[in-house]
N, C-alpha and C. Protein backbone atom coordinates (compact mmCIF):
# COMPACT_ATOMS: atom_id res chain seq x y z
N MET A 1 0.85 -1.18 0.00
CA MET A 1 0.00 0.00 0.00
C MET A 1 0.89 1.24 0.00
N LYS A 2 0.53 2.21 -0.78
CA LYS A 2 1.30 3.44 -0.87
C LYS A 2 1.11 4.28 0.39
N SER A 3 2.10 5.12 0.67
CA SER A 3 1.99 6.01 1.82
C SER A 3 1.11 7.22 1.47
N TYR A 4 0.72 7.96 2.47
CA TYR A 4 -0.08 9.16 2.25
C TYR A 4 0.66 10.12 1.32
N ALA A 5 1.97 10.23 1.51
CA ALA A 5 2.75 11.16 0.68
C ALA A 5 2.66 10.77 -0.79
N ALA A 6 2.67 9.48 -1.07
CA ALA A 6 2.57 9.04 -2.47
C ALA A 6 1.22 9.44 -3.05
N TYR A 7 0.17 9.32 -2.27
CA TYR A 7 -1.15 9.72 -2.75
C TYR A 7 -1.25 11.24 -2.84
N HIS A 8 -0.61 11.91 -1.93
CA HIS A 8 -0.69 13.37 -1.89
C HIS A 8 -0.09 14.00 -3.15
N ASP A 9 0.88 13.34 -3.77
CA ASP A 9 1.51 13.88 -4.97
C ASP A 9 0.74 13.56 -6.24
N SER A 10 -0.37 12.85 -6.15
CA SER A 10 -1.12 12.42 -7.32
C SER A 10 -1.70 13.61 -8.07
N ASN A 11 -1.70 13.54 -9.40
CA ASN A 11 -2.27 14.58 -10.23
C ASN A 11 -3.39 14.02 -11.10
N VAL A 12 -4.09 13.02 -10.60
CA VAL A 12 -5.10 12.33 -11.39
C VAL A 12 -6.26 13.25 -11.74
N ILE A 13 -6.76 13.99 -10.78
CA ILE A 13 -7.92 14.85 -11.00
C ILE A 13 -7.46 16.30 -10.92
N VAL A 14 -7.76 17.06 -11.95
CA VAL A 14 -7.41 18.47 -11.93
C VAL A 14 -8.51 19.19 -11.16
N ASP A 15 -8.20 19.52 -9.93
CA ASP A 15 -9.21 20.03 -9.01
C ASP A 15 -8.49 20.83 -7.93
N SER A 16 -9.19 21.67 -7.25
CA SER A 16 -8.57 22.48 -6.21
C SER A 16 -8.33 21.69 -4.94
N SER A 17 -8.82 20.48 -4.84
CA SER A 17 -8.73 19.73 -3.60
C SER A 17 -7.66 18.66 -3.64
N ASP A 18 -6.57 18.88 -2.90
CA ASP A 18 -5.53 17.85 -2.80
C ASP A 18 -6.09 16.59 -2.15
N ASN A 19 -6.91 16.76 -1.12
CA ASN A 19 -7.47 15.60 -0.44
C ASN A 19 -8.36 14.78 -1.38
N ARG A 20 -9.07 15.42 -2.25
CA ARG A 20 -9.93 14.70 -3.18
C ARG A 20 -9.08 13.85 -4.12
N ARG A 21 -7.98 14.41 -4.58
CA ARG A 21 -7.06 13.64 -5.43
C ARG A 21 -6.51 12.44 -4.67
N VAL A 22 -6.17 12.65 -3.42
CA VAL A 22 -5.62 11.59 -2.58
C VAL A 22 -6.66 10.48 -2.39
N VAL A 23 -7.89 10.85 -2.09
CA VAL A 23 -8.96 9.87 -1.91
C VAL A 23 -9.20 9.10 -3.20
N TYR A 24 -9.27 9.81 -4.31
CA TYR A 24 -9.49 9.15 -5.59
C TYR A 24 -8.37 8.15 -5.90
N GLN A 25 -7.13 8.58 -5.75
CA GLN A 25 -5.99 7.70 -6.05
C GLN A 25 -6.01 6.48 -5.14
N PHE A 26 -6.37 6.67 -3.89
CA PHE A 26 -6.43 5.55 -2.95
C PHE A 26 -7.48 4.53 -3.40
N ILE A 27 -8.64 5.02 -3.83
CA ILE A 27 -9.70 4.13 -4.31
C ILE A 27 -9.27 3.43 -5.59
N GLU A 28 -8.62 4.14 -6.47
CA GLU A 28 -8.15 3.54 -7.72
C GLU A 28 -7.15 2.42 -7.43
N ASP A 29 -6.29 2.61 -6.43
CA ASP A 29 -5.28 1.61 -6.08
C ASP A 29 -5.82 0.50 -5.19
N ASN A 30 -6.97 0.73 -4.57
CA ASN A 30 -7.56 -0.23 -3.63
C ASN A 30 -9.04 -0.41 -3.93
N PRO A 31 -9.40 -0.89 -5.12
CA PRO A 31 -10.82 -1.01 -5.45
C PRO A 31 -11.55 -1.94 -4.49
N GLY A 32 -12.74 -1.50 -4.08
CA GLY A 32 -13.53 -2.28 -3.14
C GLY A 32 -13.33 -1.84 -1.69
N VAL A 33 -12.55 -0.79 -1.50
CA VAL A 33 -12.26 -0.30 -0.15
C VAL A 33 -13.50 0.34 0.46
N HIS A 34 -13.62 0.27 1.79
CA HIS A 34 -14.73 0.95 2.45
C HIS A 34 -14.20 2.15 3.22
N ILE A 35 -15.10 3.01 3.64
CA ILE A 35 -14.73 4.33 4.16
C ILE A 35 -13.81 4.26 5.38
N ARG A 36 -14.04 3.30 6.27
CA ARG A 36 -13.18 3.24 7.47
C ARG A 36 -11.72 3.02 7.10
N LYS A 37 -11.50 2.18 6.10
CA LYS A 37 -10.11 1.91 5.67
C LYS A 37 -9.52 3.16 5.00
N ILE A 38 -10.33 3.90 4.25
CA ILE A 38 -9.84 5.14 3.63
C ILE A 38 -9.44 6.12 4.72
N ILE A 39 -10.31 6.30 5.69
CA ILE A 39 -10.05 7.23 6.79
C ILE A 39 -8.78 6.84 7.54
N LYS A 40 -8.69 5.56 7.91
CA LYS A 40 -7.55 5.08 8.68
C LYS A 40 -6.25 5.17 7.88
N SER A 41 -6.29 4.75 6.63
CA SER A 41 -5.07 4.73 5.82
C SER A 41 -4.56 6.12 5.46
N LEU A 42 -5.48 7.04 5.20
CA LEU A 42 -5.08 8.37 4.77
C LEU A 42 -5.01 9.39 5.90
N GLY A 43 -5.57 9.03 7.06
CA GLY A 43 -5.52 9.95 8.20
C GLY A 43 -6.40 11.17 8.02
N LEU A 44 -7.45 11.04 7.25
CA LEU A 44 -8.38 12.15 7.03
C LEU A 44 -9.54 12.06 8.02
N ALA A 45 -10.18 13.17 8.27
CA ALA A 45 -11.36 13.18 9.13
C ALA A 45 -12.52 12.49 8.40
N ALA A 46 -13.40 11.88 9.17
CA ALA A 46 -14.53 11.15 8.60
C ALA A 46 -15.42 12.05 7.75
N GLY A 47 -15.76 13.22 8.26
CA GLY A 47 -16.62 14.15 7.52
C GLY A 47 -15.98 14.63 6.23
N ASP A 48 -14.69 14.93 6.30
CA ASP A 48 -13.95 15.38 5.12
C ASP A 48 -13.90 14.27 4.08
N THR A 49 -13.64 13.05 4.53
CA THR A 49 -13.58 11.91 3.62
C THR A 49 -14.93 11.68 2.96
N GLN A 50 -16.01 11.71 3.74
CA GLN A 50 -17.34 11.50 3.19
C GLN A 50 -17.70 12.59 2.18
N TYR A 51 -17.32 13.83 2.47
CA TYR A 51 -17.57 14.94 1.55
C TYR A 51 -16.89 14.67 0.20
N HIS A 52 -15.63 14.27 0.24
CA HIS A 52 -14.89 14.02 -1.00
C HIS A 52 -15.44 12.80 -1.75
N LEU A 53 -15.84 11.78 -1.01
CA LEU A 53 -16.45 10.60 -1.65
C LEU A 53 -17.74 10.99 -2.37
N ASP A 54 -18.58 11.77 -1.69
CA ASP A 54 -19.83 12.21 -2.31
C ASP A 54 -19.56 13.05 -3.56
N LYS A 55 -18.62 13.96 -3.46
CA LYS A 55 -18.29 14.83 -4.60
C LYS A 55 -17.73 14.00 -5.76
N LEU A 56 -16.81 13.09 -5.48
CA LEU A 56 -16.24 12.24 -6.53
C LEU A 56 -17.32 11.38 -7.19
N GLN A 57 -18.25 10.90 -6.40
CA GLN A 57 -19.32 10.06 -6.95
C GLN A 57 -20.27 10.89 -7.81
N ARG A 58 -20.65 12.07 -7.35
CA ARG A 58 -21.53 12.94 -8.14
C ARG A 58 -20.89 13.34 -9.47
N GLU A 59 -19.57 13.53 -9.45
CA GLU A 59 -18.86 13.94 -10.67
C GLU A 59 -18.52 12.75 -11.58
N GLY A 60 -18.84 11.54 -11.15
CA GLY A 60 -18.64 10.37 -11.99
C GLY A 60 -17.24 9.76 -11.96
N TRP A 61 -16.39 10.18 -11.02
CA TRP A 61 -15.05 9.62 -10.92
C TRP A 61 -15.06 8.25 -10.25
N ILE A 62 -15.96 8.08 -9.28
CA ILE A 62 -16.05 6.82 -8.56
C ILE A 62 -17.50 6.37 -8.49
N LYS A 63 -17.69 5.14 -8.05
CA LYS A 63 -19.02 4.62 -7.79
C LYS A 63 -18.92 3.77 -6.54
N SER A 64 -20.07 3.39 -6.00
CA SER A 64 -20.05 2.59 -4.78
C SER A 64 -21.09 1.49 -4.87
N LEU A 65 -20.89 0.50 -4.05
CA LEU A 65 -21.80 -0.64 -3.97
C LEU A 65 -21.90 -1.04 -2.52
N LYS A 66 -23.13 -1.15 -2.03
CA LYS A 66 -23.32 -1.57 -0.64
C LYS A 66 -23.42 -3.09 -0.61
N ILE A 67 -22.54 -3.69 0.19
CA ILE A 67 -22.52 -5.13 0.39
C ILE A 67 -22.59 -5.36 1.89
N GLY A 68 -23.66 -5.99 2.33
CA GLY A 68 -23.84 -6.16 3.78
C GLY A 68 -24.01 -4.80 4.42
N ALA A 69 -23.24 -4.55 5.46
CA ALA A 69 -23.35 -3.29 6.21
C ALA A 69 -22.41 -2.21 5.70
N HIS A 70 -21.56 -2.54 4.73
CA HIS A 70 -20.54 -1.59 4.29
C HIS A 70 -20.75 -1.15 2.84
N ARG A 71 -20.43 0.11 2.59
CA ARG A 71 -20.41 0.63 1.23
C ARG A 71 -18.97 0.59 0.75
N HIS A 72 -18.78 -0.01 -0.41
CA HIS A 72 -17.45 -0.16 -0.99
C HIS A 72 -17.32 0.76 -2.19
N TYR A 73 -16.12 1.30 -2.38
CA TYR A 73 -15.88 2.32 -3.41
C TYR A 73 -14.92 1.79 -4.48
N TYR A 74 -15.20 2.21 -5.73
CA TYR A 74 -14.46 1.76 -6.90
C TYR A 74 -14.28 2.94 -7.84
N SER A 75 -13.22 2.90 -8.64
CA SER A 75 -13.11 3.89 -9.70
C SER A 75 -14.20 3.57 -10.73
N ALA A 76 -14.63 4.57 -11.44
CA ALA A 76 -15.76 4.41 -12.37
C ALA A 76 -15.45 3.47 -13.53
N ASP A 77 -14.18 3.18 -13.78
CA ASP A 77 -13.86 2.32 -14.91
C ASP A 77 -14.07 0.83 -14.63
N ILE A 78 -14.37 0.46 -13.40
CA ILE A 78 -14.70 -0.94 -13.10
C ILE A 78 -16.20 -1.09 -13.35
N THR A 79 -16.53 -1.84 -14.38
CA THR A 79 -17.93 -1.88 -14.83
C THR A 79 -18.62 -3.20 -14.55
N ASP A 80 -17.92 -4.22 -14.13
CA ASP A 80 -18.50 -5.53 -13.90
C ASP A 80 -18.87 -5.68 -12.43
N GLU A 81 -20.17 -5.79 -12.12
CA GLU A 81 -20.62 -5.89 -10.73
C GLU A 81 -20.06 -7.12 -10.05
N LYS A 82 -19.87 -8.20 -10.80
CA LYS A 82 -19.29 -9.42 -10.22
C LYS A 82 -17.88 -9.12 -9.70
N HIS A 83 -17.08 -8.39 -10.50
CA HIS A 83 -15.74 -7.99 -10.05
C HIS A 83 -15.83 -7.08 -8.83
N GLU A 84 -16.80 -6.18 -8.81
CA GLU A 84 -16.96 -5.29 -7.68
C GLU A 84 -17.19 -6.07 -6.39
N ILE A 85 -18.06 -7.06 -6.46
CA ILE A 85 -18.36 -7.87 -5.28
C ILE A 85 -17.13 -8.65 -4.84
N ILE A 86 -16.45 -9.27 -5.79
CA ILE A 86 -15.24 -10.03 -5.47
C ILE A 86 -14.19 -9.12 -4.87
N LEU A 87 -13.99 -7.94 -5.46
CA LEU A 87 -12.99 -6.99 -4.95
C LEU A 87 -13.30 -6.56 -3.52
N ALA A 88 -14.57 -6.38 -3.21
CA ALA A 88 -14.94 -6.00 -1.85
C ALA A 88 -14.50 -7.06 -0.85
N PHE A 89 -14.69 -8.33 -1.19
CA PHE A 89 -14.27 -9.41 -0.30
C PHE A 89 -12.76 -9.57 -0.27
N LEU A 90 -12.10 -9.34 -1.39
CA LEU A 90 -10.65 -9.46 -1.43
C LEU A 90 -9.96 -8.38 -0.61
N MET A 91 -10.64 -7.29 -0.33
CA MET A 91 -10.08 -6.23 0.51
C MET A 91 -9.90 -6.68 1.96
N HIS A 92 -10.61 -7.71 2.38
CA HIS A 92 -10.53 -8.22 3.75
C HIS A 92 -9.57 -9.40 3.78
N ASP A 93 -8.54 -9.31 4.61
CA ASP A 93 -7.50 -10.34 4.65
C ASP A 93 -8.07 -11.74 4.86
N THR A 94 -8.96 -11.90 5.82
CA THR A 94 -9.48 -13.24 6.13
C THR A 94 -10.30 -13.79 4.97
N ALA A 95 -11.18 -12.99 4.41
CA ALA A 95 -11.98 -13.45 3.27
C ALA A 95 -11.07 -13.78 2.09
N ARG A 96 -10.07 -12.94 1.85
CA ARG A 96 -9.13 -13.19 0.75
C ARG A 96 -8.38 -14.50 0.97
N ASP A 97 -7.92 -14.74 2.21
CA ASP A 97 -7.21 -15.99 2.51
C ASP A 97 -8.12 -17.20 2.30
N ILE A 98 -9.37 -17.08 2.69
CA ILE A 98 -10.32 -18.18 2.51
C ILE A 98 -10.52 -18.45 1.02
N LEU A 99 -10.70 -17.42 0.23
CA LEU A 99 -10.91 -17.60 -1.20
C LEU A 99 -9.69 -18.22 -1.88
N VAL A 100 -8.51 -17.77 -1.52
CA VAL A 100 -7.29 -18.35 -2.09
C VAL A 100 -7.18 -19.81 -1.67
N ARG A 101 -7.51 -20.10 -0.42
CA ARG A 101 -7.49 -21.49 0.07
C ARG A 101 -8.45 -22.36 -0.74
N LEU A 102 -9.63 -21.84 -1.05
CA LEU A 102 -10.61 -22.62 -1.82
C LEU A 102 -10.18 -22.82 -3.27
N ILE A 103 -9.39 -21.90 -3.80
CA ILE A 103 -8.83 -22.12 -5.14
C ILE A 103 -7.82 -23.27 -5.07
N GLU A 104 -6.96 -23.22 -4.04
CA GLU A 104 -5.91 -24.24 -3.90
C GLU A 104 -6.47 -25.58 -3.45
N TYR A 105 -7.49 -25.56 -2.59
CA TYR A 105 -8.06 -26.78 -2.02
C TYR A 105 -9.59 -26.75 -2.14
N PRO A 106 -10.10 -26.93 -3.35
CA PRO A 106 -11.56 -26.92 -3.51
C PRO A 106 -12.18 -28.06 -2.70
N GLY A 107 -13.34 -27.78 -2.14
CA GLY A 107 -14.03 -28.79 -1.33
C GLY A 107 -13.61 -28.78 0.12
N SER A 108 -12.86 -27.75 0.54
CA SER A 108 -12.48 -27.65 1.95
C SER A 108 -13.72 -27.53 2.81
N THR A 109 -13.64 -28.08 4.01
CA THR A 109 -14.75 -27.98 4.96
C THR A 109 -14.52 -26.79 5.89
N GLN A 110 -15.53 -26.49 6.69
CA GLN A 110 -15.40 -25.41 7.67
C GLN A 110 -14.24 -25.71 8.62
N GLY A 111 -14.12 -26.97 9.03
CA GLY A 111 -13.02 -27.36 9.91
C GLY A 111 -11.66 -27.17 9.26
N ASP A 112 -11.55 -27.53 7.98
CA ASP A 112 -10.29 -27.35 7.24
C ASP A 112 -9.90 -25.87 7.24
N ILE A 113 -10.87 -25.04 6.94
CA ILE A 113 -10.60 -23.60 6.85
C ILE A 113 -10.29 -23.01 8.22
N ALA A 114 -11.01 -23.47 9.25
CA ALA A 114 -10.77 -22.99 10.62
C ALA A 114 -9.35 -23.34 11.07
N ARG A 115 -8.89 -24.56 10.77
CA ARG A 115 -7.52 -24.95 11.13
C ARG A 115 -6.51 -24.12 10.33
N PHE A 116 -6.77 -23.93 9.05
CA PHE A 116 -5.88 -23.15 8.20
C PHE A 116 -5.74 -21.71 8.72
N LYS A 117 -6.85 -21.08 9.05
CA LYS A 117 -6.83 -19.68 9.50
C LYS A 117 -6.62 -19.54 11.00
N GLN A 118 -6.68 -20.65 11.72
CA GLN A 118 -6.58 -20.64 13.19
C GLN A 118 -7.63 -19.72 13.80
N LEU A 119 -8.87 -19.89 13.30
CA LEU A 119 -10.01 -19.15 13.80
C LEU A 119 -11.08 -20.13 14.25
N SER A 120 -12.02 -19.66 15.03
CA SER A 120 -13.08 -20.53 15.52
C SER A 120 -14.04 -20.90 14.39
N ALA A 121 -14.72 -22.02 14.57
CA ALA A 121 -15.70 -22.47 13.58
C ALA A 121 -16.81 -21.43 13.38
N PRO A 122 -17.35 -20.80 14.45
CA PRO A 122 -18.37 -19.78 14.23
C PRO A 122 -17.87 -18.59 13.40
N THR A 123 -16.61 -18.21 13.58
CA THR A 123 -16.05 -17.11 12.79
C THR A 123 -15.98 -17.51 11.32
N ILE A 124 -15.52 -18.72 11.04
CA ILE A 124 -15.45 -19.20 9.66
C ILE A 124 -16.86 -19.31 9.09
N ASN A 125 -17.80 -19.77 9.89
CA ASN A 125 -19.20 -19.87 9.44
C ASN A 125 -19.72 -18.49 9.04
N TRP A 126 -19.38 -17.47 9.80
CA TRP A 126 -19.82 -16.10 9.50
C TRP A 126 -19.27 -15.67 8.14
N TYR A 127 -17.98 -15.91 7.90
CA TYR A 127 -17.40 -15.55 6.61
C TYR A 127 -18.02 -16.35 5.48
N MET A 128 -18.20 -17.65 5.69
CA MET A 128 -18.73 -18.50 4.63
C MET A 128 -20.16 -18.08 4.28
N SER A 129 -20.96 -17.74 5.27
CA SER A 129 -22.35 -17.34 4.98
C SER A 129 -22.36 -16.07 4.14
N ARG A 130 -21.44 -15.15 4.38
CA ARG A 130 -21.38 -13.92 3.58
C ARG A 130 -20.88 -14.20 2.17
N LEU A 131 -19.89 -15.06 2.05
CA LEU A 131 -19.38 -15.42 0.72
C LEU A 131 -20.43 -16.16 -0.10
N ILE A 132 -21.23 -16.99 0.56
CA ILE A 132 -22.32 -17.70 -0.12
C ILE A 132 -23.41 -16.72 -0.52
N SER A 133 -23.79 -15.83 0.39
CA SER A 133 -24.83 -14.82 0.09
C SER A 133 -24.42 -13.93 -1.09
N ALA A 134 -23.12 -13.66 -1.20
CA ALA A 134 -22.63 -12.80 -2.29
C ALA A 134 -22.52 -13.56 -3.61
N GLY A 135 -22.71 -14.87 -3.57
CA GLY A 135 -22.64 -15.66 -4.79
C GLY A 135 -21.22 -16.01 -5.23
N ILE A 136 -20.27 -15.87 -4.32
CA ILE A 136 -18.88 -16.18 -4.65
C ILE A 136 -18.56 -17.64 -4.36
N VAL A 137 -19.13 -18.14 -3.29
CA VAL A 137 -18.86 -19.51 -2.84
C VAL A 137 -20.17 -20.27 -2.80
N VAL A 138 -20.09 -21.57 -3.01
CA VAL A 138 -21.24 -22.46 -2.88
C VAL A 138 -20.86 -23.58 -1.91
N GLY A 139 -21.82 -23.96 -1.06
CA GLY A 139 -21.60 -25.07 -0.13
C GLY A 139 -22.36 -26.29 -0.61
N VAL A 140 -21.68 -27.43 -0.62
CA VAL A 140 -22.30 -28.68 -1.04
C VAL A 140 -22.30 -29.62 0.15
N ARG A 141 -23.49 -30.02 0.56
CA ARG A 141 -23.64 -30.89 1.73
C ARG A 141 -23.36 -32.33 1.35
N GLU A 142 -22.51 -32.97 2.17
CA GLU A 142 -22.22 -34.40 2.07
C GLU A 142 -22.49 -34.99 3.44
N GLY A 143 -23.72 -35.44 3.66
CA GLY A 143 -24.09 -35.91 5.00
C GLY A 143 -24.12 -34.73 5.96
N LYS A 144 -23.29 -34.81 7.01
CA LYS A 144 -23.24 -33.73 8.00
C LYS A 144 -22.19 -32.67 7.65
N ILE A 145 -21.39 -32.95 6.63
CA ILE A 145 -20.29 -32.06 6.26
C ILE A 145 -20.70 -31.20 5.06
N ILE A 146 -20.27 -29.94 5.10
CA ILE A 146 -20.46 -29.05 3.95
C ILE A 146 -19.09 -28.76 3.36
N ARG A 147 -18.97 -29.00 2.07
CA ARG A 147 -17.73 -28.70 1.34
C ARG A 147 -17.97 -27.41 0.55
N TYR A 148 -16.96 -26.57 0.54
CA TYR A 148 -17.09 -25.26 -0.10
C TYR A 148 -16.27 -25.20 -1.38
N PHE A 149 -16.88 -24.55 -2.39
CA PHE A 149 -16.26 -24.39 -3.70
C PHE A 149 -16.49 -22.97 -4.18
N ILE A 150 -15.56 -22.47 -4.99
CA ILE A 150 -15.74 -21.18 -5.64
C ILE A 150 -16.79 -21.37 -6.73
N GLN A 151 -17.80 -20.52 -6.73
CA GLN A 151 -18.90 -20.66 -7.70
C GLN A 151 -18.46 -20.34 -9.12
N ASP A 152 -17.74 -19.25 -9.31
CA ASP A 152 -17.26 -18.86 -10.64
C ASP A 152 -15.76 -18.63 -10.53
N ILE A 153 -15.02 -19.71 -10.60
CA ILE A 153 -13.57 -19.63 -10.37
C ILE A 153 -12.88 -18.75 -11.41
N GLY A 154 -13.41 -18.72 -12.64
CA GLY A 154 -12.83 -17.88 -13.69
C GLY A 154 -12.86 -16.40 -13.32
N SER A 155 -13.99 -15.92 -12.81
CA SER A 155 -14.10 -14.51 -12.40
C SER A 155 -13.14 -14.20 -11.25
N LEU A 156 -13.06 -15.11 -10.29
CA LEU A 156 -12.17 -14.88 -9.16
C LEU A 156 -10.71 -14.85 -9.62
N ILE A 157 -10.33 -15.79 -10.45
CA ILE A 157 -8.95 -15.83 -10.93
C ILE A 157 -8.63 -14.59 -11.77
N ASN A 158 -9.54 -14.19 -12.65
CA ASN A 158 -9.31 -12.98 -13.45
C ASN A 158 -9.17 -11.75 -12.57
N THR A 159 -9.98 -11.66 -11.51
CA THR A 159 -9.89 -10.53 -10.59
C THR A 159 -8.55 -10.55 -9.86
N LEU A 160 -8.12 -11.73 -9.42
CA LEU A 160 -6.81 -11.83 -8.76
C LEU A 160 -5.69 -11.42 -9.71
N ILE A 161 -5.74 -11.90 -10.93
CA ILE A 161 -4.70 -11.56 -11.91
C ILE A 161 -4.67 -10.06 -12.17
N ASP A 162 -5.84 -9.44 -12.32
CA ASP A 162 -5.92 -8.01 -12.64
C ASP A 162 -5.58 -7.11 -11.46
N TYR A 163 -6.03 -7.47 -10.24
CA TYR A 163 -5.92 -6.55 -9.11
C TYR A 163 -4.99 -7.01 -8.00
N TYR A 164 -4.66 -8.29 -7.96
CA TYR A 164 -3.77 -8.84 -6.94
C TYR A 164 -2.74 -9.75 -7.61
N PRO A 165 -1.92 -9.21 -8.51
CA PRO A 165 -0.99 -10.06 -9.25
C PRO A 165 0.02 -10.77 -8.34
N ASP A 166 0.40 -10.17 -7.22
CA ASP A 166 1.35 -10.82 -6.32
C ASP A 166 0.77 -12.11 -5.76
N ILE A 167 -0.50 -12.09 -5.38
CA ILE A 167 -1.15 -13.30 -4.86
C ILE A 167 -1.22 -14.34 -5.97
N TRP A 168 -1.63 -13.92 -7.16
CA TRP A 168 -1.73 -14.87 -8.26
C TRP A 168 -0.37 -15.46 -8.61
N ASN A 169 0.67 -14.63 -8.65
CA ASN A 169 2.01 -15.13 -8.96
C ASN A 169 2.50 -16.12 -7.91
N SER A 170 2.17 -15.87 -6.66
CA SER A 170 2.53 -16.80 -5.59
C SER A 170 1.84 -18.14 -5.78
N MET A 171 0.55 -18.09 -6.14
CA MET A 171 -0.20 -19.33 -6.38
C MET A 171 0.37 -20.06 -7.59
N ALA A 172 0.72 -19.33 -8.63
CA ALA A 172 1.29 -19.95 -9.83
C ALA A 172 2.63 -20.60 -9.50
N SER A 173 3.43 -19.96 -8.67
CA SER A 173 4.72 -20.52 -8.27
C SER A 173 4.53 -21.83 -7.51
N LYS A 174 3.54 -21.87 -6.61
CA LYS A 174 3.24 -23.10 -5.87
C LYS A 174 2.85 -24.22 -6.84
N LEU A 175 2.06 -23.87 -7.84
CA LEU A 175 1.63 -24.86 -8.82
C LEU A 175 2.83 -25.40 -9.60
N VAL A 176 3.74 -24.54 -10.00
CA VAL A 176 4.93 -24.96 -10.73
C VAL A 176 5.78 -25.87 -9.85
N GLU A 177 5.96 -25.49 -8.58
CA GLU A 177 6.74 -26.31 -7.66
C GLU A 177 6.12 -27.70 -7.50
N MET A 178 4.78 -27.74 -7.38
CA MET A 178 4.09 -29.01 -7.25
C MET A 178 4.27 -29.85 -8.52
N PHE A 179 4.15 -29.24 -9.67
CA PHE A 179 4.33 -29.95 -10.95
C PHE A 179 5.74 -30.52 -11.05
N VAL A 180 6.75 -29.74 -10.69
CA VAL A 180 8.14 -30.20 -10.76
C VAL A 180 8.34 -31.37 -9.79
N ARG A 181 7.79 -31.26 -8.58
CA ARG A 181 7.93 -32.33 -7.59
C ARG A 181 7.28 -33.61 -8.10
N ILE A 182 6.06 -33.52 -8.62
CA ILE A 182 5.35 -34.70 -9.13
C ILE A 182 6.10 -35.29 -10.32
N SER A 183 6.58 -34.45 -11.22
CA SER A 183 7.33 -34.92 -12.37
C SER A 183 8.61 -35.63 -11.94
N SER A 184 9.30 -35.09 -10.97
CA SER A 184 10.54 -35.70 -10.47
C SER A 184 10.25 -37.06 -9.84
N GLU A 185 9.16 -37.16 -9.10
CA GLU A 185 8.77 -38.43 -8.47
C GLU A 185 8.44 -39.48 -9.54
N ARG A 186 7.79 -39.08 -10.59
CA ARG A 186 7.43 -40.02 -11.66
C ARG A 186 8.67 -40.50 -12.39
N LEU A 187 9.66 -39.63 -12.57
CA LEU A 187 10.89 -40.01 -13.26
C LEU A 187 11.71 -41.00 -12.44
N ARG A 188 11.63 -40.91 -11.11
CA ARG A 188 12.38 -41.80 -10.23
C ARG A 188 11.82 -43.22 -10.24
N ARG A 189 10.58 -43.39 -10.62
CA ARG A 189 9.95 -44.73 -10.61
C ARG A 189 10.47 -45.59 -11.67
């Protein structure tokens, strides 16, 4: 994440408001961000931040989408609502980790994810219910166990590639390492 000074030097919007440019640049670099994160990251007052968000939205520079209890902000050039929803969840570390885990280990159970994240089952259940409600994840019941899968893995992967290339590159590196290991094992036989 860029520092406030990096955002402060932005010349994206020709406007009299340095703070508005800073807010816009932050949203452009962090699509799906919600107001509390903008306030905390930029050190701006809540009222000032809300004023600039409203002005940017009225002028067509940004748009917002309410998901659950939070309003998430995006630059106006993001036009796919599916990407907007995915980006909102990717902004949260725990949700992002769960989604990456489900790409790597499709069919993980609540217990698998709870052990992976070292969080309680009710906490994982809370995240999973929101991911299911958003249409990102689907749960498939097998007896008493529910296995979780990414509903549209192509959209999630494209969003990761476009907006979180470091995460995608890390996943790709793991896949290459696994392929090399399996290939080496087969050659030894």
